[in-house]
Amino acid sequence: MSTFNRAKKYEDEFKLMIVALLQLGQSVKQVSEEYALNSSMIRKWRKSHEGNPGNYITTSVLLEDQKRIRFLEKELRNVQLERDILKKEVSIFSVSDK
């Protein structure tokens, strides 16, 4: 049985979000690295959406989403730091109990 890679299908909303990021000034390289996408595919999406401004996600909605993502990433880092501190404290106290 042979295996082969099928092209991954992306929702139109996702493609529009990627194109909107480019409109906001992010480079193809940045978006490609952040979302693990092929840069030629991103360029293709951008080209296919040129002249179709009605399809773009409004920049204000996208900016709000980006703010939310940054906030959640910061919260995640804080929670991970707290967890790591608690792990260290537990190991310190368990050693001193022996």
N, C-alpha and C. Protein backbone atom coordinates (compact mmCIF):
# COMPACT_ATOMS: atom_id res chain seq x y z
N MET A 1 0.85 -1.17 0.00
CA MET A 1 0.00 0.00 0.00
C MET A 1 0.90 1.24 0.00
N SER A 2 0.68 2.13 -0.91
CA SER A 2 1.51 3.33 -0.97
C SER A 2 0.82 4.47 -0.23
N THR A 3 1.65 5.28 0.37
CA THR A 3 1.11 6.46 1.05
C THR A 3 1.51 7.70 0.27
N PHE A 4 0.68 8.68 0.33
CA PHE A 4 0.99 9.92 -0.35
C PHE A 4 0.43 11.08 0.46
N ASN A 5 1.05 12.22 0.27
CA ASN A 5 0.59 13.42 0.98
C ASN A 5 -0.53 14.08 0.21
N ARG A 6 -1.61 14.30 0.87
CA ARG A 6 -2.69 15.05 0.26
C ARG A 6 -2.50 16.51 0.65
N ALA A 7 -2.86 17.37 -0.26
CA ALA A 7 -2.78 18.79 0.05
C ALA A 7 -3.76 19.10 1.17
N LYS A 8 -3.27 19.83 2.14
CA LYS A 8 -4.12 20.18 3.27
C LYS A 8 -5.13 21.24 2.82
N LYS A 9 -6.38 21.05 3.19
CA LYS A 9 -7.43 21.99 2.83
C LYS A 9 -7.59 23.02 3.93
N TYR A 10 -7.67 24.28 3.55
CA TYR A 10 -7.86 25.35 4.51
C TYR A 10 -9.21 26.02 4.25
N GLU A 11 -9.86 26.39 5.32
CA GLU A 11 -11.14 27.08 5.22
C GLU A 11 -10.92 28.47 4.62
N ASP A 12 -11.93 28.96 3.91
CA ASP A 12 -11.84 30.29 3.31
C ASP A 12 -11.60 31.36 4.37
N GLU A 13 -12.22 31.21 5.53
CA GLU A 13 -12.05 32.19 6.60
C GLU A 13 -10.59 32.28 7.04
N PHE A 14 -9.92 31.12 7.11
CA PHE A 14 -8.52 31.10 7.49
C PHE A 14 -7.67 31.80 6.43
N LYS A 15 -7.96 31.51 5.16
CA LYS A 15 -7.22 32.14 4.07
C LYS A 15 -7.39 33.66 4.11
N LEU A 16 -8.61 34.10 4.38
CA LEU A 16 -8.89 35.53 4.46
C LEU A 16 -8.14 36.17 5.61
N MET A 17 -8.06 35.45 6.72
CA MET A 17 -7.33 35.97 7.87
C MET A 17 -5.85 36.15 7.51
N ILE A 18 -5.28 35.18 6.82
CA ILE A 18 -3.88 35.25 6.42
C ILE A 18 -3.66 36.45 5.49
N VAL A 19 -4.54 36.62 4.53
CA VAL A 19 -4.44 37.75 3.60
C VAL A 19 -4.57 39.07 4.37
N ALA A 20 -5.47 39.11 5.34
CA ALA A 20 -5.65 40.32 6.14
C ALA A 20 -4.38 40.65 6.93
N LEU A 21 -3.70 39.63 7.42
CA LEU A 21 -2.43 39.86 8.13
C LEU A 21 -1.42 40.53 7.20
N LEU A 22 -1.40 40.10 5.96
CA LEU A 22 -0.50 40.71 4.98
C LEU A 22 -0.89 42.17 4.75
N GLN A 23 -2.20 42.43 4.72
CA GLN A 23 -2.67 43.80 4.53
C GLN A 23 -2.26 44.68 5.71
N LEU A 24 -2.16 44.10 6.88
CA LEU A 24 -1.79 44.85 8.07
C LEU A 24 -0.30 45.11 8.15
N GLY A 25 0.45 44.57 7.20
CA GLY A 25 1.86 44.87 7.14
C GLY A 25 2.80 43.74 7.50
N GLN A 26 2.25 42.60 7.88
CA GLN A 26 3.15 41.48 8.15
C GLN A 26 3.69 40.94 6.83
N SER A 27 4.90 40.46 6.86
CA SER A 27 5.50 39.93 5.63
C SER A 27 5.05 38.49 5.41
N VAL A 28 5.18 38.06 4.17
CA VAL A 28 4.84 36.67 3.84
C VAL A 28 5.69 35.72 4.68
N LYS A 29 6.96 36.07 4.87
CA LYS A 29 7.86 35.22 5.65
C LYS A 29 7.39 35.10 7.09
N GLN A 30 7.00 36.23 7.70
CA GLN A 30 6.52 36.20 9.09
C GLN A 30 5.28 35.31 9.23
N VAL A 31 4.32 35.51 8.34
CA VAL A 31 3.08 34.74 8.40
C VAL A 31 3.36 33.27 8.13
N SER A 32 4.25 33.02 7.18
CA SER A 32 4.61 31.65 6.84
C SER A 32 5.20 30.92 8.04
N GLU A 33 6.12 31.58 8.75
CA GLU A 33 6.75 30.97 9.91
C GLU A 33 5.79 30.81 11.08
N GLU A 34 4.98 31.84 11.31
CA GLU A 34 4.06 31.82 12.46
C GLU A 34 2.99 30.75 12.32
N TYR A 35 2.50 30.54 11.11
CA TYR A 35 1.41 29.58 10.91
C TYR A 35 1.85 28.30 10.21
N ALA A 36 3.15 28.14 10.02
CA ALA A 36 3.72 26.94 9.38
C ALA A 36 3.07 26.69 8.02
N LEU A 37 3.08 27.72 7.20
CA LEU A 37 2.49 27.64 5.86
C LEU A 37 3.57 27.86 4.81
N ASN A 38 3.35 27.31 3.64
CA ASN A 38 4.24 27.50 2.51
C ASN A 38 4.08 28.93 2.00
N SER A 39 5.17 29.64 1.82
CA SER A 39 5.09 31.04 1.40
C SER A 39 4.47 31.20 0.01
N SER A 40 4.70 30.25 -0.88
CA SER A 40 4.10 30.36 -2.21
C SER A 40 2.58 30.22 -2.14
N MET A 41 2.10 29.41 -1.20
CA MET A 41 0.67 29.25 -1.02
C MET A 41 0.06 30.56 -0.50
N ILE A 42 0.76 31.22 0.42
CA ILE A 42 0.28 32.50 0.96
C ILE A 42 0.19 33.53 -0.17
N ARG A 43 1.22 33.57 -1.01
CA ARG A 43 1.21 34.52 -2.13
C ARG A 43 0.05 34.21 -3.08
N LYS A 44 -0.22 32.94 -3.29
CA LYS A 44 -1.33 32.53 -4.15
C LYS A 44 -2.66 33.00 -3.56
N TRP A 45 -2.84 32.83 -2.26
CA TRP A 45 -4.06 33.29 -1.60
C TRP A 45 -4.21 34.79 -1.74
N ARG A 46 -3.11 35.52 -1.53
CA ARG A 46 -3.15 36.97 -1.63
C ARG A 46 -3.55 37.38 -3.05
N LYS A 47 -2.93 36.74 -4.04
CA LYS A 47 -3.23 37.08 -5.43
C LYS A 47 -4.67 36.76 -5.79
N SER A 48 -5.17 35.64 -5.29
CA SER A 48 -6.55 35.25 -5.61
C SER A 48 -7.58 36.17 -4.96
N HIS A 49 -7.18 36.87 -3.90
CA HIS A 49 -8.10 37.76 -3.22
C HIS A 49 -7.92 39.22 -3.60
N GLU A 50 -6.94 39.50 -4.45
CA GLU A 50 -6.74 40.88 -4.90
C GLU A 50 -7.96 41.32 -5.70
N GLY A 51 -8.37 42.54 -5.49
CA GLY A 51 -9.53 43.05 -6.22
C GLY A 51 -10.85 42.54 -5.67
N ASN A 52 -10.80 41.87 -4.53
CA ASN A 52 -12.01 41.33 -3.89
C ASN A 52 -12.10 41.86 -2.47
N PRO A 53 -12.10 43.18 -2.28
CA PRO A 53 -12.01 43.72 -0.93
C PRO A 53 -13.18 43.33 -0.03
N GLY A 54 -14.29 42.97 -0.59
CA GLY A 54 -15.44 42.57 0.22
C GLY A 54 -15.20 41.29 0.99
N ASN A 55 -14.22 40.51 0.57
CA ASN A 55 -13.94 39.24 1.23
C ASN A 55 -13.01 39.36 2.42
N TYR A 56 -12.38 40.52 2.59
CA TYR A 56 -11.40 40.66 3.65
C TYR A 56 -12.07 40.81 5.01
N ILE A 57 -11.44 40.23 5.98
CA ILE A 57 -11.87 40.42 7.36
C ILE A 57 -11.51 41.85 7.73
N THR A 58 -12.37 42.53 8.41
CA THR A 58 -12.05 43.91 8.76
C THR A 58 -10.85 43.93 9.67
N THR A 59 -10.03 44.94 9.49
CA THR A 59 -8.79 45.02 10.26
C THR A 59 -9.07 45.20 11.75
N SER A 60 -10.15 45.87 12.10
CA SER A 60 -10.44 46.06 13.52
C SER A 60 -10.75 44.74 14.20
N VAL A 61 -11.48 43.87 13.52
CA VAL A 61 -11.77 42.54 14.08
C VAL A 61 -10.49 41.74 14.22
N LEU A 62 -9.65 41.81 13.21
CA LEU A 62 -8.39 41.08 13.25
C LEU A 62 -7.48 41.62 14.34
N LEU A 63 -7.43 42.92 14.49
CA LEU A 63 -6.60 43.50 15.55
C LEU A 63 -7.09 43.06 16.93
N GLU A 64 -8.39 43.02 17.12
CA GLU A 64 -8.94 42.55 18.39
C GLU A 64 -8.56 41.09 18.64
N ASP A 65 -8.62 40.28 17.58
CA ASP A 65 -8.23 38.87 17.72
C ASP A 65 -6.75 38.75 18.07
N GLN A 66 -5.92 39.57 17.45
CA GLN A 66 -4.49 39.53 17.75
C GLN A 66 -4.23 39.95 19.19
N LYS A 67 -4.94 40.97 19.65
CA LYS A 67 -4.79 41.40 21.04
C LYS A 67 -5.18 40.27 21.99
N ARG A 68 -6.26 39.61 21.67
CA ARG A 68 -6.74 38.49 22.51
C ARG A 68 -5.71 37.36 22.53
N ILE A 69 -5.16 37.05 21.39
CA ILE A 69 -4.15 35.99 21.30
C ILE A 69 -2.93 36.36 22.14
N ARG A 70 -2.46 37.60 22.02
CA ARG A 70 -1.31 38.04 22.82
C ARG A 70 -1.61 37.94 24.31
N PHE A 71 -2.81 38.36 24.71
CA PHE A 71 -3.21 38.29 26.11
C PHE A 71 -3.20 36.83 26.59
N LEU A 72 -3.79 35.94 25.79
CA LEU A 72 -3.84 34.53 26.18
C LEU A 72 -2.46 33.90 26.21
N GLU A 73 -1.59 34.28 25.30
CA GLU A 73 -0.22 33.76 25.32
C GLU A 73 0.51 34.22 26.57
N LYS A 74 0.28 35.48 26.96
CA LYS A 74 0.91 36.00 28.18
C LYS A 74 0.38 35.24 29.40
N GLU A 75 -0.92 35.03 29.46
CA GLU A 75 -1.52 34.27 30.56
C GLU A 75 -0.94 32.86 30.62
N LEU A 76 -0.79 32.23 29.46
CA LEU A 76 -0.23 30.88 29.42
C LEU A 76 1.18 30.86 29.97
N ARG A 77 2.00 31.83 29.58
CA ARG A 77 3.36 31.89 30.10
C ARG A 77 3.36 32.06 31.62
N ASN A 78 2.48 32.90 32.13
CA ASN A 78 2.39 33.11 33.58
C ASN A 78 1.99 31.83 34.31
N VAL A 79 1.00 31.14 33.77
CA VAL A 79 0.54 29.90 34.40
C VAL A 79 1.64 28.85 34.36
N GLN A 80 2.35 28.76 33.24
CA GLN A 80 3.45 27.81 33.15
C GLN A 80 4.55 28.14 34.15
N LEU A 81 4.86 29.41 34.31
CA LEU A 81 5.86 29.83 35.27
C LEU A 81 5.43 29.46 36.69
N GLU A 82 4.18 29.74 37.02
CA GLU A 82 3.66 29.38 38.35
C GLU A 82 3.75 27.87 38.58
N ARG A 83 3.39 27.11 37.56
CA ARG A 83 3.46 25.65 37.67
C ARG A 83 4.88 25.19 37.94
N ASP A 84 5.83 25.76 37.18
CA ASP A 84 7.22 25.37 37.35
C ASP A 84 7.74 25.72 38.75
N ILE A 85 7.33 26.87 39.25
CA ILE A 85 7.73 27.27 40.60
C ILE A 85 7.16 26.31 41.63
N LEU A 86 5.89 25.97 41.47
CA LEU A 86 5.26 25.02 42.41
C LEU A 86 5.93 23.65 42.36
N LYS A 87 6.29 23.19 41.18
CA LYS A 87 7.00 21.91 41.07
C LYS A 87 8.31 21.94 41.84
N LYS A 88 9.04 23.04 41.71
CA LYS A 88 10.31 23.16 42.42
C LYS A 88 10.09 23.20 43.92
N GLU A 89 9.07 23.92 44.36
CA GLU A 89 8.78 23.99 45.79
C GLU A 89 8.41 22.62 46.35
N VAL A 90 7.61 21.88 45.61
CA VAL A 90 7.22 20.54 46.06
C VAL A 90 8.44 19.65 46.16
N SER A 91 9.34 19.73 45.20
CA SER A 91 10.54 18.87 45.25
C SER A 91 11.43 19.29 46.41
N ILE A 92 11.53 20.57 46.70
CA ILE A 92 12.35 21.04 47.83
C ILE A 92 11.79 20.55 49.15
N PHE A 93 10.47 20.68 49.32
CA PHE A 93 9.85 20.28 50.57
C PHE A 93 9.82 18.76 50.74
N SER A 94 9.70 18.04 49.62
CA SER A 94 9.70 16.58 49.75
C SER A 94 11.07 16.06 50.13
N VAL A 95 12.13 16.73 49.70
CA VAL A 95 13.49 16.34 50.07
C VAL A 95 13.74 16.66 51.55
N SER A 96 13.25 17.81 52.01
CA SER A 96 13.49 18.20 53.42
C SER A 96 12.68 17.35 54.40
N ASP A 97 11.62 16.71 53.94
CA ASP A 97 10.81 15.86 54.82
C ASP A 97 11.48 14.52 55.09
N LYS A 98 12.44 14.14 54.28
CA LYS A 98 13.07 12.82 54.43
C LYS A 98 14.07 12.79 55.51
